Amino acid sequence: MSINMVISEKTIDQVVNHQFDSANDALNTNDTIEISGFGKFLFNKKKAITQYNKLLQMKQAYENTLADPDVTDKKKHSTQLRLNTALTDIKTLKPKMHESKTDI
């Protein structure tokens, strides 16, 4: 497409990235979005609740591992990275489920 219209690949890449970044931002405040030519995307609350509960269990397991004095430094570092990822995912999902933010 860019060859026939003499549009640089960089310009097309920037436009596409902007569209998907905007769509991602819109999903933070809306349950559905529609992108022309790509379709409609829905936020599945049932799956989010299941995933949220799974993340809470993982968070607890990681905290228990970090509290264990017999764990090696390598394992602690790896577990801390996984815990940080789980906490980020929890913070992302929680507002979408319209729950209080007090237990994070």
PDB file of N, CA and C in Angstrom:
ATOM      1  N   MET A   1       0.828  -1.196   0.000  1.00  0.00           N
ATOM      2  CA  MET A   1       0.000   0.000   0.000  1.00  0.00           C
ATOM      3  C   MET A   1       0.867   1.253   0.000  1.00  0.00           C
ATOM      4  N   SER A   2       1.905   1.266   0.820  1.00  0.00           N
ATOM      5  CA  SER A   2       2.726   2.471   0.916  1.00  0.00           C
ATOM      6  C   SER A   2       3.501   2.741  -0.371  1.00  0.00           C
ATOM      7  N   ILE A   3       3.828   1.690  -1.123  1.00  0.00           N
ATOM      8  CA  ILE A   3       4.581   1.871  -2.369  1.00  0.00           C
ATOM      9  C   ILE A   3       3.711   2.562  -3.415  1.00  0.00           C
ATOM     10  N   ASN A   4       2.454   2.118  -3.555  1.00  0.00           N
ATOM     11  CA  ASN A   4       1.560   2.701  -4.550  1.00  0.00           C
ATOM     12  C   ASN A   4       1.195   4.144  -4.216  1.00  0.00           C
ATOM     13  N   MET A   5       1.082   4.470  -2.932  1.00  0.00           N
ATOM     14  CA  MET A   5       0.664   5.812  -2.519  1.00  0.00           C
ATOM     15  C   MET A   5       1.851   6.694  -2.147  1.00  0.00           C
ATOM     16  N   VAL A   6       3.050   6.194  -2.226  1.00  0.00           N
ATOM     17  CA  VAL A   6       4.288   6.898  -1.900  1.00  0.00           C
ATOM     18  C   VAL A   6       4.222   7.451  -0.466  1.00  0.00           C
ATOM     19  N   ILE A   7       3.851   6.569   0.458  1.00  0.00           N
ATOM     20  CA  ILE A   7       3.833   6.904   1.879  1.00  0.00           C
ATOM     21  C   ILE A   7       4.935   6.088   2.534  1.00  0.00           C
ATOM     22  N   SER A   8       5.726   6.741   3.349  1.00  0.00           N
ATOM     23  CA  SER A   8       6.841   6.028   3.970  1.00  0.00           C
ATOM     24  C   SER A   8       6.332   4.995   4.975  1.00  0.00           C
ATOM     25  N   GLU A   9       7.106   3.936   5.094  1.00  0.00           N
ATOM     26  CA  GLU A   9       6.754   2.876   6.037  1.00  0.00           C
ATOM     27  C   GLU A   9       6.734   3.406   7.466  1.00  0.00           C
ATOM     28  N   LYS A  10       7.600   4.329   7.767  1.00  0.00           N
ATOM     29  CA  LYS A  10       7.671   4.931   9.108  1.00  0.00           C
ATOM     30  C   LYS A  10       6.368   5.647   9.443  1.00  0.00           C
ATOM     31  N   THR A  11       5.803   6.370   8.485  1.00  0.00           N
ATOM     32  CA  THR A  11       4.544   7.085   8.705  1.00  0.00           C
ATOM     33  C   THR A  11       3.404   6.113   8.963  1.00  0.00           C
ATOM     34  N   ILE A  12       3.326   5.060   8.162  1.00  0.00           N
ATOM     35  CA  ILE A  12       2.275   4.056   8.345  1.00  0.00           C
ATOM     36  C   ILE A  12       2.428   3.383   9.703  1.00  0.00           C
ATOM     37  N   ASP A  13       3.652   3.064  10.080  1.00  0.00           N
ATOM     38  CA  ASP A  13       3.924   2.444  11.374  1.00  0.00           C
ATOM     39  C   ASP A  13       3.472   3.348  12.512  1.00  0.00           C
ATOM     40  N   GLN A  14       3.738   4.642  12.425  1.00  0.00           N
ATOM     41  CA  GLN A  14       3.335   5.581  13.468  1.00  0.00           C
ATOM     42  C   GLN A  14       1.813   5.684  13.574  1.00  0.00           C
ATOM     43  N   VAL A  15       1.126   5.694  12.453  1.00  0.00           N
ATOM     44  CA  VAL A  15      -0.339   5.785  12.454  1.00  0.00           C
ATOM     45  C   VAL A  15      -0.950   4.535  13.091  1.00  0.00           C
ATOM     46  N   VAL A  16      -0.465   3.366  12.680  1.00  0.00           N
ATOM     47  CA  VAL A  16      -0.985   2.109  13.224  1.00  0.00           C
ATOM     48  C   VAL A  16      -0.699   2.011  14.719  1.00  0.00           C
ATOM     49  N   ASN A  17       0.521   2.351  15.128  1.00  0.00           N
ATOM     50  CA  ASN A  17       0.852   2.325  16.557  1.00  0.00           C
ATOM     51  C   ASN A  17      -0.017   3.280  17.354  1.00  0.00           C
ATOM     52  N   HIS A  18      -0.266   4.459  16.817  1.00  0.00           N
ATOM     53  CA  HIS A  18      -1.130   5.433  17.508  1.00  0.00           C
ATOM     54  C   HIS A  18      -2.546   4.877  17.674  1.00  0.00           C
ATOM     55  N   GLN A  19      -3.069   4.251  16.626  1.00  0.00           N
ATOM     56  CA  GLN A  19      -4.419   3.680  16.688  1.00  0.00           C
ATOM     57  C   GLN A  19      -4.514   2.628  17.800  1.00  0.00           C
ATOM     58  N   PHE A  20      -3.544   1.738  17.857  1.00  0.00           N
ATOM     59  CA  PHE A  20      -3.612   0.670  18.850  1.00  0.00           C
ATOM     60  C   PHE A  20      -3.288   1.174  20.256  1.00  0.00           C
ATOM     61  N   ASP A  21      -2.433   2.160  20.375  1.00  0.00           N
ATOM     62  CA  ASP A  21      -2.191   2.766  21.687  1.00  0.00           C
ATOM     63  C   ASP A  21      -3.454   3.454  22.194  1.00  0.00           C
ATOM     64  N   SER A  22      -4.147   4.151  21.314  1.00  0.00           N
ATOM     65  CA  SER A  22      -5.400   4.808  21.682  1.00  0.00           C
ATOM     66  C   SER A  22      -6.466   3.784  22.053  1.00  0.00           C
ATOM     67  N   ALA A  23      -6.520   2.691  21.318  1.00  0.00           N
ATOM     68  CA  ALA A  23      -7.483   1.633  21.628  1.00  0.00           C
ATOM     69  C   ALA A  23      -7.181   1.020  22.989  1.00  0.00           C
ATOM     70  N   ASN A  24      -5.918   0.808  23.283  1.00  0.00           N
ATOM     71  CA  ASN A  24      -5.523   0.256  24.578  1.00  0.00           C
ATOM     72  C   ASN A  24      -5.915   1.206  25.708  1.00  0.00           C
ATOM     73  N   ASP A  25      -5.689   2.501  25.520  1.00  0.00           N
ATOM     74  CA  ASP A  25      -6.094   3.493  26.523  1.00  0.00           C
ATOM     75  C   ASP A  25      -7.612   3.510  26.697  1.00  0.00           C
ATOM     76  N   ALA A  26      -8.345   3.376  25.604  1.00  0.00           N
ATOM     77  CA  ALA A  26      -9.807   3.386  25.666  1.00  0.00           C
ATOM     78  C   ALA A  26     -10.340   2.181  26.430  1.00  0.00           C
ATOM     79  N   LEU A  27      -9.648   1.044  26.342  1.00  0.00           N
ATOM     80  CA  LEU A  27     -10.097  -0.142  27.074  1.00  0.00           C
ATOM     81  C   LEU A  27      -9.938   0.020  28.588  1.00  0.00           C
ATOM     82  N   ASN A  28      -9.116   0.956  29.027  1.00  0.00           N
ATOM     83  CA  ASN A  28      -8.982   1.199  30.464  1.00  0.00           C
ATOM     84  C   ASN A  28     -10.232   1.838  31.050  1.00  0.00           C
ATOM     85  N   THR A  29     -11.001   2.549  30.233  1.00  0.00           N
ATOM     86  CA  THR A  29     -12.197   3.224  30.739  1.00  0.00           C
ATOM     87  C   THR A  29     -13.498   2.686  30.158  1.00  0.00           C
ATOM     88  N   ASN A  30     -13.428   1.866  29.123  1.00  0.00           N
ATOM     89  CA  ASN A  30     -14.632   1.337  28.465  1.00  0.00           C
ATOM     90  C   ASN A  30     -14.572  -0.183  28.419  1.00  0.00           C
ATOM     91  N   ASP A  31     -15.745  -0.806  28.351  1.00  0.00           N
ATOM     92  CA  ASP A  31     -15.804  -2.262  28.269  1.00  0.00           C
ATOM     93  C   ASP A  31     -15.762  -2.772  26.836  1.00  0.00           C
ATOM     94  N   THR A  32     -16.055  -1.903  25.871  1.00  0.00           N
ATOM     95  CA  THR A  32     -15.991  -2.306  24.465  1.00  0.00           C
ATOM     96  C   THR A  32     -15.382  -1.178  23.638  1.00  0.00           C
ATOM     97  N   ILE A  33     -14.680  -1.563  22.595  1.00  0.00           N
ATOM     98  CA  ILE A  33     -14.202  -0.598  21.605  1.00  0.00           C
ATOM     99  C   ILE A  33     -14.365  -1.230  20.238  1.00  0.00           C
ATOM    100  N   GLU A  34     -14.465  -0.391  19.230  1.00  0.00           N
ATOM    101  CA  GLU A  34     -14.561  -0.892  17.859  1.00  0.00           C
ATOM    102  C   GLU A  34     -13.561  -0.142  17.007  1.00  0.00           C
ATOM    103  N   ILE A  35     -12.741  -0.899  16.301  1.00  0.00           N
ATOM    104  CA  ILE A  35     -11.746  -0.318  15.409  1.00  0.00           C
ATOM    105  C   ILE A  35     -12.188  -0.626  13.986  1.00  0.00           C
ATOM    106  N   SER A  36     -12.387   0.392  13.222  1.00  0.00           N
ATOM    107  CA  SER A  36     -12.852   0.232  11.855  1.00  0.00           C
ATOM    108  C   SER A  36     -11.899  -0.670  11.071  1.00  0.00           C
ATOM    109  N   GLY A  37     -12.451  -1.706  10.495  1.00  0.00           N
ATOM    110  CA  GLY A  37     -11.662  -2.635   9.704  1.00  0.00           C
ATOM    111  C   GLY A  37     -11.073  -3.783  10.505  1.00  0.00           C
ATOM    112  N   PHE A  38     -11.093  -3.698  11.845  1.00  0.00           N
ATOM    113  CA  PHE A  38     -10.528  -4.757  12.686  1.00  0.00           C
ATOM    114  C   PHE A  38     -11.588  -5.463  13.520  1.00  0.00           C
ATOM    115  N   GLY A  39     -12.677  -4.785  13.826  1.00  0.00           N
ATOM    116  CA  GLY A  39     -13.750  -5.410  14.578  1.00  0.00           C
ATOM    117  C   GLY A  39     -13.961  -4.790  15.947  1.00  0.00           C
ATOM    118  N   LYS A  40     -14.815  -5.452  16.717  1.00  0.00           N
ATOM    119  CA  LYS A  40     -15.199  -4.978  18.043  1.00  0.00           C
ATOM    120  C   LYS A  40     -14.494  -5.830  19.091  1.00  0.00           C
ATOM    121  N   PHE A  41     -13.968  -5.170  20.111  1.00  0.00           N
ATOM    122  CA  PHE A  41     -13.262  -5.847  21.187  1.00  0.00           C
ATOM    123  C   PHE A  41     -14.032  -5.638  22.483  1.00  0.00           C
ATOM    124  N   LEU A  42     -14.257  -6.730  23.216  1.00  0.00           N
ATOM    125  CA  LEU A  42     -15.038  -6.694  24.450  1.00  0.00           C
ATOM    126  C   LEU A  42     -14.174  -7.075  25.643  1.00  0.00           C
ATOM    127  N   PHE A  43     -14.457  -6.459  26.788  1.00  0.00           N
ATOM    128  CA  PHE A  43     -13.804  -6.830  28.039  1.00  0.00           C
ATOM    129  C   PHE A  43     -14.691  -7.870  28.718  1.00  0.00           C
ATOM    130  N   ASN A  44     -14.172  -9.058  28.940  1.00  0.00           N
ATOM    131  CA  ASN A  44     -14.934 -10.148  29.534  1.00  0.00           C
ATOM    132  C   ASN A  44     -14.745 -10.124  31.056  1.00  0.00           C
ATOM    133  N   LYS A  45     -15.770  -9.632  31.776  1.00  0.00           N
ATOM    134  CA  LYS A  45     -15.657  -9.481  33.226  1.00  0.00           C
ATOM    135  C   LYS A  45     -15.548 -10.826  33.946  1.00  0.00           C
ATOM    136  N   LYS A  46     -16.220 -11.836  33.430  1.00  0.00           N
ATOM    137  CA  LYS A  46     -16.159 -13.146  34.069  1.00  0.00           C
ATOM    138  C   LYS A  46     -14.730 -13.695  34.040  1.00  0.00           C
ATOM    139  N   LYS A  47     -14.079 -13.596  32.892  1.00  0.00           N
ATOM    140  CA  LYS A  47     -12.691 -14.046  32.792  1.00  0.00           C
ATOM    141  C   LYS A  47     -11.770 -13.169  33.629  1.00  0.00           C
ATOM    142  N   ALA A  48     -12.074 -11.877  33.691  1.00  0.00           N
ATOM    143  CA  ALA A  48     -11.252 -10.955  34.482  1.00  0.00           C
ATOM    144  C   ALA A  48     -11.318 -11.303  35.965  1.00  0.00           C
ATOM    145  N   ILE A  49     -12.492 -11.657  36.449  1.00  0.00           N
ATOM    146  CA  ILE A  49     -12.637 -12.027  37.864  1.00  0.00           C
ATOM    147  C   ILE A  49     -11.850 -13.301  38.150  1.00  0.00           C
ATOM    148  N   THR A  50     -11.938 -14.269  37.251  1.00  0.00           N
ATOM    149  CA  THR A  50     -11.171 -15.510  37.405  1.00  0.00           C
ATOM    150  C   THR A  50      -9.674 -15.215  37.403  1.00  0.00           C
ATOM    151  N   GLN A  51      -9.228 -14.412  36.459  1.00  0.00           N
ATOM    152  CA  GLN A  51      -7.815 -14.061  36.366  1.00  0.00           C
ATOM    153  C   GLN A  51      -7.365 -13.267  37.594  1.00  0.00           C
ATOM    154  N   TYR A  52      -8.215 -12.361  38.065  1.00  0.00           N
ATOM    155  CA  TYR A  52      -7.907 -11.549  39.239  1.00  0.00           C
ATOM    156  C   TYR A  52      -7.695 -12.434  40.472  1.00  0.00           C
ATOM    157  N   ASN A  53      -8.593 -13.384  40.675  1.00  0.00           N
ATOM    158  CA  ASN A  53      -8.464 -14.298  41.818  1.00  0.00           C
ATOM    159  C   ASN A  53      -7.193 -15.146  41.703  1.00  0.00           C
ATOM    160  N   LYS A  54      -6.877 -15.573  40.497  1.00  0.00           N
ATOM    161  CA  LYS A  54      -5.651 -16.345  40.262  1.00  0.00           C
ATOM    162  C   LYS A  54      -4.418 -15.488  40.580  1.00  0.00           C
ATOM    163  N   LEU A  55      -4.456 -14.231  40.175  1.00  0.00           N
ATOM    164  CA  LEU A  55      -3.342 -13.322  40.458  1.00  0.00           C
ATOM    165  C   LEU A  55      -3.162 -13.093  41.955  1.00  0.00           C
ATOM    166  N   LEU A  56      -4.274 -13.000  42.683  1.00  0.00           N
ATOM    167  CA  LEU A  56      -4.181 -12.829  44.140  1.00  0.00           C
ATOM    168  C   LEU A  56      -3.530 -14.048  44.795  1.00  0.00           C
ATOM    169  N   GLN A  57      -3.859 -15.240  44.306  1.00  0.00           N
ATOM    170  CA  GLN A  57      -3.244 -16.459  44.837  1.00  0.00           C
ATOM    171  C   GLN A  57      -1.750 -16.491  44.512  1.00  0.00           C
ATOM    172  N   MET A  58      -1.411 -16.092  43.304  1.00  0.00           N
ATOM    173  CA  MET A  58      -0.009 -16.043  42.914  1.00  0.00           C
ATOM    174  C   MET A  58       0.754 -15.022  43.771  1.00  0.00           C
ATOM    175  N   LYS A  59       0.133 -13.878  44.015  1.00  0.00           N
ATOM    176  CA  LYS A  59       0.752 -12.839  44.837  1.00  0.00           C
ATOM    177  C   LYS A  59       1.075 -13.382  46.225  1.00  0.00           C
ATOM    178  N   GLN A  60       0.109 -14.080  46.809  1.00  0.00           N
ATOM    179  CA  GLN A  60       0.312 -14.650  48.141  1.00  0.00           C
ATOM    180  C   GLN A  60       1.432 -15.696  48.126  1.00  0.00           C
ATOM    181  N   ALA A  61       1.451 -16.525  47.113  1.00  0.00           N
ATOM    182  CA  ALA A  61       2.500 -17.549  47.006  1.00  0.00           C
ATOM    183  C   ALA A  61       3.876 -16.906  46.854  1.00  0.00           C
ATOM    184  N   TYR A  62       3.970 -15.862  46.035  1.00  0.00           N
ATOM    185  CA  TYR A  62       5.248 -15.175  45.857  1.00  0.00           C
ATOM    186  C   TYR A  62       5.703 -14.515  47.156  1.00  0.00           C
ATOM    187  N   GLU A  63       4.768 -13.907  47.882  1.00  0.00           N
ATOM    188  CA  GLU A  63       5.121 -13.284  49.157  1.00  0.00           C
ATOM    189  C   GLU A  63       5.592 -14.323  50.167  1.00  0.00           C
ATOM    190  N   ASN A  64       4.951 -15.484  50.157  1.00  0.00           N
ATOM    191  CA  ASN A  64       5.384 -16.567  51.049  1.00  0.00           C
ATOM    192  C   ASN A  64       6.790 -17.042  50.691  1.00  0.00           C
ATOM    193  N   THR A  65       7.068 -17.144  49.403  1.00  0.00           N
ATOM    194  CA  THR A  65       8.401 -17.560  48.960  1.00  0.00           C
ATOM    195  C   THR A  65       9.455 -16.543  49.386  1.00  0.00           C
ATOM    196  N   LEU A  66       9.139 -15.253  49.231  1.00  0.00           N
ATOM    197  CA  LEU A  66      10.091 -14.208  49.612  1.00  0.00           C
ATOM    198  C   LEU A  66      10.324 -14.170  51.125  1.00  0.00           C
ATOM    199  N   ALA A  67       9.330 -14.565  51.912  1.00  0.00           N
ATOM    200  CA  ALA A  67       9.460 -14.553  53.366  1.00  0.00           C
ATOM    201  C   ALA A  67      10.262 -15.741  53.887  1.00  0.00           C
ATOM    202  N   ASP A  68      10.427 -16.767  53.068  1.00  0.00           N
ATOM    203  CA  ASP A  68      11.163 -17.964  53.483  1.00  0.00           C
ATOM    204  C   ASP A  68      12.661 -17.648  53.574  1.00  0.00           C
ATOM    205  N   PRO A  69      13.278 -17.860  54.729  1.00  0.00           N
ATOM    206  CA  PRO A  69      14.702 -17.529  54.880  1.00  0.00           C
ATOM    207  C   PRO A  69      15.641 -18.486  54.133  1.00  0.00           C
ATOM    208  N   ASP A  70      15.176 -19.650  53.734  1.00  0.00           N
ATOM    209  CA  ASP A  70      16.024 -20.648  53.068  1.00  0.00           C
ATOM    210  C   ASP A  70      16.106 -20.467  51.552  1.00  0.00           C
ATOM    211  N   VAL A  71      15.422 -19.473  51.004  1.00  0.00           N
ATOM    212  CA  VAL A  71      15.394 -19.267  49.562  1.00  0.00           C
ATOM    213  C   VAL A  71      16.692 -18.583  49.116  1.00  0.00           C
ATOM    214  N   THR A  72      17.228 -19.040  47.990  1.00  0.00           N
ATOM    215  CA  THR A  72      18.466 -18.465  47.469  1.00  0.00           C
ATOM    216  C   THR A  72      18.224 -17.055  46.911  1.00  0.00           C
ATOM    217  N   ASP A  73      19.297 -16.297  46.759  1.00  0.00           N
ATOM    218  CA  ASP A  73      19.184 -14.937  46.232  1.00  0.00           C
ATOM    219  C   ASP A  73      18.654 -14.935  44.796  1.00  0.00           C
ATOM    220  N   LYS A  74      19.095 -15.903  44.010  1.00  0.00           N
ATOM    221  CA  LYS A  74      18.634 -16.002  42.622  1.00  0.00           C
ATOM    222  C   LYS A  74      17.120 -16.238  42.580  1.00  0.00           C
ATOM    223  N   LYS A  75      16.643 -17.135  43.426  1.00  0.00           N
ATOM    224  CA  LYS A  75      15.204 -17.438  43.484  1.00  0.00           C
ATOM    225  C   LYS A  75      14.432 -16.220  44.006  1.00  0.00           C
ATOM    226  N   LYS A  76      15.000 -15.514  44.991  1.00  0.00           N
ATOM    227  CA  LYS A  76      14.330 -14.312  45.517  1.00  0.00           C
ATOM    228  C   LYS A  76      14.196 -13.253  44.431  1.00  0.00           C
ATOM    229  N   HIS A  77      15.253 -13.055  43.665  1.00  0.00           N
ATOM    230  CA  HIS A  77      15.210 -12.059  42.592  1.00  0.00           C
ATOM    231  C   HIS A  77      14.153 -12.432  41.547  1.00  0.00           C
ATOM    232  N   SER A  78      14.147 -13.682  41.141  1.00  0.00           N
ATOM    233  CA  SER A  78      13.170 -14.165  40.171  1.00  0.00           C
ATOM    234  C   SER A  78      11.747 -14.019  40.702  1.00  0.00           C
ATOM    235  N   THR A  79      11.549 -14.371  41.957  1.00  0.00           N
ATOM    236  CA  THR A  79      10.218 -14.272  42.569  1.00  0.00           C
ATOM    237  C   THR A  79       9.786 -12.825  42.695  1.00  0.00           C
ATOM    238  N   GLN A  80      10.716 -11.935  43.016  1.00  0.00           N
ATOM    239  CA  GLN A  80      10.383 -10.509  43.131  1.00  0.00           C
ATOM    240  C   GLN A  80       9.937  -9.951  41.781  1.00  0.00           C
ATOM    241  N   LEU A  81      10.588 -10.348  40.707  1.00  0.00           N
ATOM    242  CA  LEU A  81      10.174  -9.910  39.367  1.00  0.00           C
ATOM    243  C   LEU A  81       8.769 -10.417  39.035  1.00  0.00           C
ATOM    244  N   ARG A  82       8.514 -11.663  39.366  1.00  0.00           N
ATOM    245  CA  ARG A  82       7.178 -12.230  39.116  1.00  0.00           C
ATOM    246  C   ARG A  82       6.122 -11.538  39.971  1.00  0.00           C
ATOM    247  N   LEU A  83       6.472 -11.220  41.208  1.00  0.00           N
ATOM    248  CA  LEU A  83       5.538 -10.512  42.095  1.00  0.00           C
ATOM    249  C   LEU A  83       5.228  -9.127  41.539  1.00  0.00           C
ATOM    250  N   ASN A  84       6.230  -8.428  41.052  1.00  0.00           N
ATOM    251  CA  ASN A  84       6.005  -7.094  40.473  1.00  0.00           C
ATOM    252  C   ASN A  84       5.078  -7.170  39.262  1.00  0.00           C
ATOM    253  N   THR A  85       5.255  -8.184  38.434  1.00  0.00           N
ATOM    254  CA  THR A  85       4.380  -8.366  37.277  1.00  0.00           C
ATOM    255  C   THR A  85       2.948  -8.664  37.719  1.00  0.00           C
ATOM    256  N   ALA A  86       2.797  -9.525  38.708  1.00  0.00           N
ATOM    257  CA  ALA A  86       1.459  -9.861  39.216  1.00  0.00           C
ATOM    258  C   ALA A  86       0.784  -8.622  39.810  1.00  0.00           C
ATOM    259  N   LEU A  87       1.531  -7.809  40.555  1.00  0.00           N
ATOM    260  CA  LEU A  87       0.961  -6.595  41.144  1.00  0.00           C
ATOM    261  C   LEU A  87       0.516  -5.609  40.070  1.00  0.00           C
ATOM    262  N   THR A  88       1.298  -5.496  39.009  1.00  0.00           N
ATOM    263  CA  THR A  88       0.918  -4.619  37.900  1.00  0.00           C
ATOM    264  C   THR A  88      -0.365  -5.115  37.242  1.00  0.00           C
ATOM    265  N   ASP A  89      -0.465  -6.417  37.031  1.00  0.00           N
ATOM    266  CA  ASP A  89      -1.678  -6.989  36.430  1.00  0.00           C
ATOM    267  C   ASP A  89      -2.886  -6.796  37.339  1.00  0.00           C
ATOM    268  N   ILE A  90      -2.692  -6.930  38.643  1.00  0.00           N
ATOM    269  CA  ILE A  90      -3.790  -6.722  39.592  1.00  0.00           C
ATOM    270  C   ILE A  90      -4.269  -5.281  39.524  1.00  0.00           C
ATOM    271  N   LYS A  91      -3.331  -4.342  39.509  1.00  0.00           N
ATOM    272  CA  LYS A  91      -3.707  -2.924  39.449  1.00  0.00           C
ATOM    273  C   LYS A  91      -4.409  -2.581  38.141  1.00  0.00           C
ATOM    274  N   THR A  92      -4.090  -3.290  37.076  1.00  0.00           N
ATOM    275  CA  THR A  92      -4.737  -3.056  35.794  1.00  0.00           C
ATOM    276  C   THR A  92      -6.161  -3.606  35.779  1.00  0.00           C
ATOM    277  N   LEU A  93      -6.348  -4.796  36.337  1.00  0.00           N
ATOM    278  CA  LEU A  93      -7.664  -5.437  36.306  1.00  0.00           C
ATOM    279  C   LEU A  93      -8.647  -4.858  37.318  1.00  0.00           C
ATOM    280  N   LYS A  94      -8.177  -4.495  38.467  1.00  0.00           N
ATOM    281  CA  LYS A  94      -9.062  -4.104  39.556  1.00  0.00           C
ATOM    282  C   LYS A  94     -10.016  -2.959  39.207  1.00  0.00           C
ATOM    283  N   PRO A  95      -9.553  -1.864  38.615  1.00  0.00           N
ATOM    284  CA  PRO A  95     -10.499  -0.786  38.287  1.00  0.00           C
ATOM    285  C   PRO A  95     -11.554  -1.210  37.266  1.00  0.00           C
ATOM    286  N   LYS A  96     -11.201  -2.129  36.373  1.00  0.00           N
ATOM    287  CA  LYS A  96     -12.155  -2.585  35.366  1.00  0.00           C
ATOM    288  C   LYS A  96     -13.280  -3.410  35.972  1.00  0.00           C
ATOM    289  N   MET A  97     -13.047  -3.986  37.133  1.00  0.00           N
ATOM    290  CA  MET A  97     -14.064  -4.814  37.765  1.00  0.00           C
ATOM    291  C   MET A  97     -14.909  -4.007  38.747  1.00  0.00           C
ATOM    292  N   HIS A  98     -14.650  -2.710  38.855  1.00  0.00           N
ATOM    293  CA  HIS A  98     -15.422  -1.792  39.690  1.00  0.00           C
ATOM    294  C   HIS A  98     -15.454  -2.215  41.152  1.00  0.00           C
ATOM    295  N   GLU A  99     -14.292  -2.597  41.667  1.00  0.00           N
ATOM    296  CA  GLU A  99     -14.176  -2.955  43.076  1.00  0.00           C
ATOM    297  C   GLU A  99     -13.379  -1.878  43.786  1.00  0.00           C
ATOM    298  N   SER A 100     -13.388  -1.935  45.103  1.00  0.00           N
ATOM    299  CA  SER A 100     -12.594  -0.974  45.873  1.00  0.00           C
ATOM    300  C   SER A 100     -11.122  -1.257  45.668  1.00  0.00           C
ATOM    301  N   LYS A 101     -10.289  -0.252  45.877  1.00  0.00           N
ATOM    302  CA  LYS A 101      -8.863  -0.388  45.661  1.00  0.00           C
ATOM    303  C   LYS A 101      -8.103  -0.539  46.977  1.00  0.00           C
ATOM    304  N   THR A 102      -8.764  -0.913  48.045  1.00  0.00           N
ATOM    305  CA  THR A 102      -8.128  -0.896  49.362  1.00  0.00           C
ATOM    306  C   THR A 102      -7.245  -2.087  49.645  1.00  0.00           C
ATOM    307  N   ASP A 103      -7.450  -3.233  48.997  1.00  0.00           N
ATOM    308  CA  ASP A 103      -6.683  -4.425  49.379  1.00  0.00           C
ATOM    309  C   ASP A 103      -5.448  -4.672  48.532  1.00  0.00           C
ATOM    310  N   ILE A 104      -4.984  -3.674  47.801  1.00  0.00           N
ATOM    311  CA  ILE A 104      -3.729  -3.836  47.056  1.00  0.00           C
ATOM    312  C   ILE A 104      -2.597  -3.286  47.905  1.00  0.00           C
TER     313      ILE A 104
END
